[in-house]
Amino acid sequence: MDKRAFLEGFFTASTVAFGGLYMLQRMQRPSLLLTTPAATVAAPIAASTPVPPGFQFTAIEIASAKPAQGLPLPAPELSANSDFSVASLSDAEVESYLRKIRNFDAVFASDIYLDARYESTLLQTTQRMSRVEAYMGHGNFNLMSFDEMLSSGRNFLKIGAFTPAELEFLEEIFFANPNRYGFFGKKISPQITAAIPKLDVAKIGDSGHFLLKGESLNLYQQIKRDVGNEIVLTSGVRSIVKQMHLFLGKSIETNGNLSRASRSLAPPGHSYHGVGDFDIGKLGLGARNFTADFSATEGYKKIAGLGYVDIRYPTDNLFGVRFEPWHIKLG
C-alpha cells in the first residue's frame, strides 16, 4: 500500500464527529476508565457478582503477535483539538496499526485496558442489560432506546433498576474517545438517548432482526433476489443499547482489553448498524458467518461480483477494525 495514500486516508477516517458542546466537553474530559497494562492490578470482585471462568484484568503478551524486533507501538491518539500531523506517522506506526487489525484477536503490549476498579461494575451492568434483553425479548432489545431500558429496569423486579454507579459507567463508556484505544471510526450517534423510530423499521422474517425501510431494506431484498435464499440476515439495525451490550460483553470476553474489543466491535455510538448497515451470512454456516470463512463461500463470491454491494470494513481499513466481509455498507 502506498504510504502517502494510506496516511491521508487514515487522517480523514480518524476525524471525530461531535454532537454539540456537551459532547465535546465529555470527550475532552480526562477519562477515569482507562489504564495501561503496566498499571493494571487485579481488583477484588464483589462476592455477589458471578465471575466468568478465567476473567481477570491481567495484561497478557502473546509472543507470536510481536514484531521481529521490539514491541508494537500504540496507535496514535487523535481528538478534536489534536495537533496531530499526518506526516508525523512513521513507517513503524503504520506497520503497527496494520499488524493490529490483521491480528485483531491477539493481545499487544500497548493495548489499553479498562481500569481494574471498574471490573465489578462492568460485570454487574452487563448482567443487568442481559436481564433486560431476556425479559423484554431479543427483537425488542435490538430497537430499545436508553430511556426504555432504564424504564424496564424500574418497572420489572426481575431486572432491577440501574444503580447510579452503573449509569455513570454507561455514560463514561459512551462518551469516551475510542481513539485512545485504537478505534478511529466516526461518532455516528452523538447522544446516548438517541432512539430508532419503530415506524422506520421492517421486521425480517425468520431472523429476529429489523432493517431500516428504504435503502437498507431494498438493498437486502435485491441481494436475496440476485444471490438466492442461501443468504440470510444475521444482524440488522441496532440501537445504542444493543451496541452497548455487545461492546461490554466483548470487553468481558477480552479481559477488559478495550483495544482488542474495539478491533472486533465498534464502541456504542460508533456503529453504522444504527443508520442502516447490516450483516449477512450463509444459511447453515452458524458462528463462522462472523469470521473470514464467510469470504470463502460461494454466496460471498457472488455478492462480490454484483458491482453494487460494498463492505464497511475491508482488509487494511482505516477504522482500526478487523476485516468483516459480512458487514454490508449503506450509502
Protein backbone atom coordinates (compact mmCIF):
# COMPACT_ATOMS: atom_id res chain seq x y z
CA MET A 1 0.00 0.00 0.00
CA ASP A 2 1.29 3.50 -0.85
CA LYS A 3 2.17 5.17 2.45
CA ARG A 4 1.02 8.66 1.44
CA ALA A 5 -2.38 7.34 0.31
CA PHE A 6 -2.72 5.31 3.49
CA LEU A 7 -1.81 8.20 5.77
CA GLU A 8 -4.13 10.64 4.03
CA GLY A 9 -6.99 8.16 4.31
CA PHE A 10 -6.06 7.39 7.90
CA PHE A 11 -6.25 11.05 8.86
CA THR A 12 -9.61 11.51 7.11
CA ALA A 13 -11.14 8.38 8.65
CA SER A 14 -9.92 9.39 12.11
CA THR A 15 -11.94 12.60 12.30
CA VAL A 16 -14.36 12.59 15.24
CA ALA A 17 -17.87 13.96 14.71
CA PHE A 18 -19.04 15.85 17.78
CA GLY A 19 -22.70 16.46 18.66
CA GLY A 20 -22.75 19.78 20.48
CA LEU A 21 -20.85 21.41 23.32
CA TYR A 22 -21.85 18.81 25.93
CA MET A 23 -20.47 16.01 23.79
CA LEU A 24 -17.26 17.94 23.16
CA GLN A 25 -16.76 18.56 26.87
CA ARG A 26 -17.31 14.90 27.72
CA MET A 27 -14.86 13.75 25.04
CA GLN A 28 -12.18 16.17 26.26
CA ARG A 29 -12.62 15.31 29.92
CA PRO A 30 -9.86 13.04 31.25
CA SER A 31 -11.26 9.52 31.36
CA LEU A 32 -11.27 7.54 34.60
CA LEU A 33 -11.91 4.31 32.76
CA LEU A 34 -8.58 3.58 31.17
CA THR A 35 -5.33 2.15 32.39
CA THR A 36 -2.24 0.77 30.73
CA PRO A 37 -1.12 -2.86 31.06
CA ALA A 38 1.77 -1.82 33.29
CA ALA A 39 -0.62 -0.15 35.73
CA THR A 40 -3.18 -2.97 35.71
CA VAL A 41 -3.67 -4.69 39.03
CA ALA A 42 -6.41 -7.22 39.63
CA ALA A 43 -9.04 -5.79 41.97
CA PRO A 44 -11.23 -7.78 44.36
CA ILE A 45 -14.66 -8.62 43.00
CA ALA A 46 -17.87 -8.25 44.95
CA ALA A 47 -18.87 -11.59 46.43
CA SER A 48 -22.36 -11.30 44.96
CA THR A 49 -21.04 -10.94 41.41
CA PRO A 50 -20.67 -14.19 39.43
CA VAL A 51 -17.38 -14.17 37.55
CA PRO A 52 -16.87 -15.88 34.17
CA PRO A 53 -14.13 -18.55 34.36
CA GLY A 54 -10.69 -17.07 33.82
CA PHE A 55 -11.86 -13.46 34.00
CA GLN A 56 -9.22 -11.10 35.35
CA PHE A 57 -7.70 -7.78 34.36
CA THR A 58 -4.23 -9.01 33.52
CA ALA A 59 -2.12 -7.93 30.56
CA ILE A 60 -1.04 -10.98 28.56
CA GLU A 61 1.58 -10.63 25.88
CA ILE A 62 1.31 -13.19 23.08
CA ALA A 63 4.79 -13.80 21.75
CA SER A 64 3.58 -14.63 18.24
CA ALA A 65 1.99 -11.18 17.97
CA LYS A 66 5.28 -9.36 18.49
CA PRO A 67 7.12 -7.87 15.53
CA ALA A 68 10.57 -9.13 14.67
CA GLN A 69 12.16 -6.51 16.92
CA GLY A 70 10.66 -4.62 19.83
CA LEU A 71 7.02 -4.31 20.88
CA PRO A 72 4.11 -2.86 18.88
CA LEU A 73 3.73 0.90 19.17
CA PRO A 74 0.50 2.46 20.45
CA ALA A 75 -1.94 3.69 17.83
CA PRO A 76 -1.75 7.49 17.51
CA GLU A 77 -4.30 9.28 19.69
CA LEU A 78 -6.49 11.68 17.73
CA SER A 79 -9.06 14.09 19.14
CA ALA A 80 -10.95 17.23 18.22
CA ASN A 81 -8.21 19.55 19.44
CA SER A 82 -5.29 17.35 18.41
CA ASP A 83 -2.33 18.90 16.64
CA PHE A 84 -1.56 15.51 15.12
CA SER A 85 0.09 15.70 11.71
CA VAL A 86 -0.26 13.05 9.03
CA ALA A 87 3.42 13.39 8.26
CA SER A 88 4.29 12.54 11.88
CA LEU A 89 3.32 8.88 11.47
CA SER A 90 6.40 6.77 10.96
CA ASP A 91 6.64 3.61 8.91
CA ALA A 92 6.75 1.69 12.19
CA GLU A 93 3.48 3.28 13.36
CA VAL A 94 1.76 2.44 10.10
CA GLU A 95 3.01 -1.13 10.31
CA SER A 96 1.91 -1.34 13.94
CA TYR A 97 -1.59 -0.19 13.01
CA LEU A 98 -1.87 -2.73 10.20
CA ARG A 99 -0.44 -5.52 12.33
CA LYS A 100 -3.09 -4.98 14.95
CA ILE A 101 -6.10 -5.19 12.65
CA ARG A 102 -4.61 -8.15 10.79
CA ASN A 103 -4.12 -9.90 14.14
CA PHE A 104 -7.23 -8.43 15.74
CA ASP A 105 -7.65 -11.10 18.40
CA ALA A 106 -4.05 -11.02 19.59
CA VAL A 107 -3.01 -9.16 22.74
CA PHE A 108 -0.43 -6.41 22.26
CA ALA A 109 1.73 -4.83 24.93
CA SER A 110 0.42 -1.38 24.00
CA ASP A 111 -3.27 -2.32 24.30
CA ILE A 112 -5.39 -0.15 26.60
CA TYR A 113 -7.39 -1.77 29.39
CA LEU A 114 -10.41 -0.78 31.39
CA ASP A 115 -9.30 0.30 34.84
CA ALA A 116 -9.48 -2.73 37.13
CA ARG A 117 -11.54 -0.79 39.67
CA TYR A 118 -14.46 -0.96 37.22
CA GLU A 119 -14.35 -4.74 37.00
CA SER A 120 -17.35 -5.47 39.20
CA THR A 121 -19.32 -2.56 37.69
CA LEU A 122 -18.68 -3.90 34.18
CA LEU A 123 -19.94 -7.33 35.17
CA GLN A 124 -22.97 -6.10 37.09
CA THR A 125 -24.03 -3.64 34.37
CA THR A 126 -23.67 -6.22 31.60
CA GLN A 127 -25.64 -8.77 33.60
CA ARG A 128 -28.46 -6.28 34.18
CA MET A 129 -28.59 -5.47 30.47
CA SER A 130 -28.71 -9.21 29.75
CA ARG A 131 -31.74 -9.46 32.02
CA VAL A 132 -33.38 -6.62 30.08
CA GLU A 133 -32.82 -8.49 26.82
CA ALA A 134 -34.05 -11.81 28.20
CA TYR A 135 -37.15 -10.29 29.82
CA MET A 136 -38.13 -7.82 27.09
CA GLY A 137 -37.25 -10.03 24.12
CA HIS A 138 -34.29 -10.17 21.75
CA GLY A 139 -36.10 -8.44 18.90
CA ASN A 140 -37.30 -5.58 21.10
CA PHE A 141 -33.80 -5.23 22.55
CA ASN A 142 -32.40 -4.56 19.05
CA LEU A 143 -34.51 -1.39 18.89
CA MET A 144 -34.63 -0.38 22.55
CA SER A 145 -33.63 3.17 23.48
CA PHE A 146 -31.61 4.05 26.55
CA ASP A 147 -34.65 5.60 28.24
CA GLU A 148 -36.74 2.50 27.51
CA MET A 149 -34.02 0.31 29.04
CA LEU A 150 -33.98 2.39 32.22
CA SER A 151 -37.77 2.27 32.40
CA SER A 152 -37.79 -1.52 32.10
CA GLY A 153 -35.36 -1.74 35.00
CA ARG A 154 -37.54 0.45 37.19
CA ASN A 155 -40.76 -1.36 36.30
CA PHE A 156 -39.73 -5.03 36.48
CA LEU A 157 -38.30 -6.54 39.66
CA LYS A 158 -36.69 -9.37 37.67
CA ILE A 159 -34.49 -6.76 36.03
CA GLY A 160 -33.99 -4.22 38.80
CA ALA A 161 -33.30 -0.51 38.50
CA PHE A 162 -29.92 0.58 37.18
CA THR A 163 -27.81 1.96 40.01
CA PRO A 164 -26.15 5.40 39.92
CA ALA A 165 -22.76 3.67 39.56
CA GLU A 166 -24.00 1.64 36.59
CA LEU A 167 -25.47 4.71 34.88
CA GLU A 168 -22.25 6.67 35.36
CA PHE A 169 -20.30 3.74 33.94
CA LEU A 170 -22.54 3.53 30.86
CA GLU A 171 -22.12 7.25 30.25
CA GLU A 172 -18.34 7.03 30.63
CA ILE A 173 -18.17 4.19 28.09
CA PHE A 174 -20.42 6.01 25.63
CA PHE A 175 -18.71 9.41 25.81
CA ALA A 176 -15.12 8.16 26.00
CA ASN A 177 -12.92 8.91 23.00
CA PRO A 178 -12.16 5.47 21.47
CA ASN A 179 -9.21 6.90 19.53
CA ARG A 180 -7.34 6.39 22.79
CA TYR A 181 -7.58 2.64 22.49
CA GLY A 182 -7.27 2.36 18.73
CA PHE A 183 -10.72 2.77 17.15
CA PHE A 184 -10.90 5.51 14.51
CA GLY A 185 -14.48 5.40 13.23
CA LYS A 186 -16.79 8.43 13.36
CA LYS A 187 -19.27 9.11 16.12
CA ILE A 188 -22.48 8.17 14.30
CA SER A 189 -24.92 8.73 17.17
CA PRO A 190 -23.70 11.58 19.43
CA GLN A 191 -26.48 11.26 22.02
CA ILE A 192 -26.78 8.25 24.32
CA THR A 193 -30.58 8.68 24.34
CA ALA A 194 -30.90 8.56 20.52
CA ALA A 195 -33.84 6.36 19.54
CA ILE A 196 -34.77 4.38 16.43
CA PRO A 197 -38.36 5.23 15.35
CA LYS A 198 -40.31 1.97 15.32
CA LEU A 199 -42.26 3.05 12.23
CA ASP A 200 -39.00 3.35 10.28
CA VAL A 201 -38.08 -0.34 10.50
CA ALA A 202 -39.31 -3.58 8.96
CA LYS A 203 -39.01 -6.96 10.67
CA ILE A 204 -37.24 -9.61 8.60
CA GLY A 205 -38.94 -12.99 8.89
CA ASP A 206 -37.10 -15.93 10.49
CA SER A 207 -34.24 -13.71 11.62
CA GLY A 208 -35.34 -11.84 14.77
CA HIS A 209 -33.79 -8.72 13.24
CA PHE A 210 -35.02 -5.47 11.68
CA LEU A 211 -33.90 -3.31 8.78
CA LEU A 212 -34.49 0.35 8.18
CA LYS A 213 -37.10 0.87 5.49
CA GLY A 214 -35.86 2.34 2.25
CA GLU A 215 -32.26 1.90 1.11
CA SER A 216 -31.31 -0.72 3.70
CA LEU A 217 -34.33 -2.96 3.19
CA ASN A 218 -34.23 -2.52 -0.58
CA LEU A 219 -30.55 -3.49 -0.78
CA TYR A 220 -31.07 -6.63 1.30
CA GLN A 221 -34.02 -7.71 -0.83
CA GLN A 222 -32.03 -7.08 -4.02
CA ILE A 223 -29.14 -9.22 -2.72
CA LYS A 224 -31.58 -12.00 -1.88
CA ARG A 225 -33.05 -11.86 -5.37
CA ASP A 226 -29.66 -11.90 -7.09
CA VAL A 227 -27.86 -14.43 -4.88
CA GLY A 228 -30.62 -16.63 -3.52
CA ASN A 229 -32.03 -17.86 -0.25
CA GLU A 230 -28.66 -19.16 0.93
CA ILE A 231 -28.01 -15.58 2.05
CA VAL A 232 -29.58 -14.67 5.39
CA LEU A 233 -29.69 -11.59 7.60
CA THR A 234 -27.52 -12.17 10.69
CA SER A 235 -27.78 -8.69 12.22
CA GLY A 236 -29.78 -5.62 11.25
CA VAL A 237 -30.40 -2.23 12.78
CA ARG A 238 -29.02 -1.88 16.33
CA SER A 239 -29.90 0.66 18.97
CA ILE A 240 -27.36 2.34 21.25
CA VAL A 241 -28.45 -0.10 23.95
CA LYS A 242 -27.86 -3.16 21.77
CA GLN A 243 -24.42 -1.96 20.66
CA MET A 244 -23.50 -1.06 24.25
CA HIS A 245 -24.42 -4.54 25.44
CA LEU A 246 -22.41 -6.18 22.66
CA PHE A 247 -19.38 -3.99 23.38
CA LEU A 248 -19.48 -4.59 27.13
CA GLY A 249 -19.80 -8.33 26.53
CA LYS A 250 -16.80 -8.20 24.23
CA SER A 251 -14.87 -6.26 26.87
CA ILE A 252 -15.54 -9.05 29.37
CA GLU A 253 -14.51 -11.65 26.80
CA THR A 254 -11.21 -9.80 26.25
CA ASN A 255 -10.47 -9.47 29.98
CA GLY A 256 -11.03 -5.71 29.93
CA ASN A 257 -8.85 -5.09 26.88
CA LEU A 258 -10.72 -2.23 25.20
CA SER A 259 -8.26 -2.09 22.30
CA ARG A 260 -8.81 -5.74 21.46
CA ALA A 261 -12.58 -5.40 21.91
CA SER A 262 -12.77 -2.42 19.54
CA ARG A 263 -10.84 -4.27 16.84
CA SER A 264 -13.83 -6.61 16.59
CA LEU A 265 -16.76 -4.41 17.55
CA ALA A 266 -17.49 -0.70 17.19
CA PRO A 267 -17.94 1.09 20.53
CA PRO A 268 -21.50 2.29 21.26
CA GLY A 269 -22.42 5.35 19.23
CA HIS A 270 -19.90 4.45 16.52
CA SER A 271 -21.76 1.59 14.86
CA TYR A 272 -23.16 2.08 11.37
CA HIS A 273 -25.77 -0.53 12.28
CA GLY A 274 -27.63 2.37 13.83
CA VAL A 275 -28.04 4.11 10.46
CA GLY A 276 -28.67 1.24 8.06
CA ASP A 277 -25.69 -1.11 7.73
CA PHE A 278 -26.45 -4.80 8.19
CA ASP A 279 -24.72 -8.18 8.39
CA ILE A 280 -25.38 -11.13 6.14
CA GLY A 281 -24.29 -14.76 6.20
CA LYS A 282 -24.69 -18.16 4.62
CA LEU A 283 -27.53 -20.37 5.78
CA GLY A 284 -26.13 -23.16 7.93
CA LEU A 285 -22.69 -21.60 8.48
CA GLY A 286 -23.55 -20.52 12.02
CA ALA A 287 -20.98 -18.56 14.01
CA ARG A 288 -18.47 -18.88 11.17
CA ASN A 289 -20.51 -16.24 9.33
CA PHE A 290 -18.70 -13.75 11.59
CA THR A 291 -15.24 -14.92 10.56
CA ALA A 292 -13.17 -14.65 7.41
CA ASP A 293 -14.60 -18.07 6.48
CA PHE A 294 -17.64 -16.28 5.08
CA SER A 295 -15.47 -14.68 2.38
CA ALA A 296 -14.67 -18.17 1.05
CA THR A 297 -18.33 -19.10 0.45
CA GLU A 298 -19.93 -19.12 -2.98
CA GLY A 299 -22.54 -16.68 -1.72
CA TYR A 300 -19.94 -14.08 -0.85
CA LYS A 301 -18.18 -14.56 -4.17
CA LYS A 302 -21.47 -13.93 -5.95
CA ILE A 303 -22.07 -10.80 -3.89
CA ALA A 304 -18.56 -9.54 -4.64
CA GLY A 305 -19.35 -9.82 -8.34
CA LEU A 306 -22.63 -7.90 -8.21
CA GLY A 307 -20.99 -4.50 -8.50
CA TYR A 308 -23.49 -2.60 -6.34
CA VAL A 309 -22.51 -4.03 -2.92
CA ASP A 310 -19.70 -2.70 -0.73
CA ILE A 311 -18.49 -3.75 2.72
CA ARG A 312 -17.81 -1.32 5.54
CA TYR A 313 -14.58 -2.86 6.86
CA PRO A 314 -12.35 -4.25 4.08
CA THR A 315 -8.85 -5.57 4.69
CA ASP A 316 -6.41 -2.93 5.96
CA ASN A 317 -9.24 -0.46 6.53
CA LEU A 318 -8.84 2.90 8.25
CA PHE A 319 -11.15 2.32 11.21
CA GLY A 320 -8.95 0.08 13.35
CA VAL A 321 -11.35 -2.83 12.78
CA ARG A 322 -10.73 -6.37 11.51
CA PHE A 323 -11.76 -7.49 8.05
CA GLU A 324 -15.56 -8.01 8.06
CA PRO A 325 -16.73 -9.47 4.74
CA TRP A 326 -20.23 -9.92 6.16
CA HIS A 327 -20.82 -6.24 7.03
CA ILE A 328 -22.75 -4.54 4.20
CA LYS A 329 -22.19 -0.81 3.81
CA LEU A 330 -25.01 1.63 3.11
CA GLY A 331 -24.52 4.86 1.23
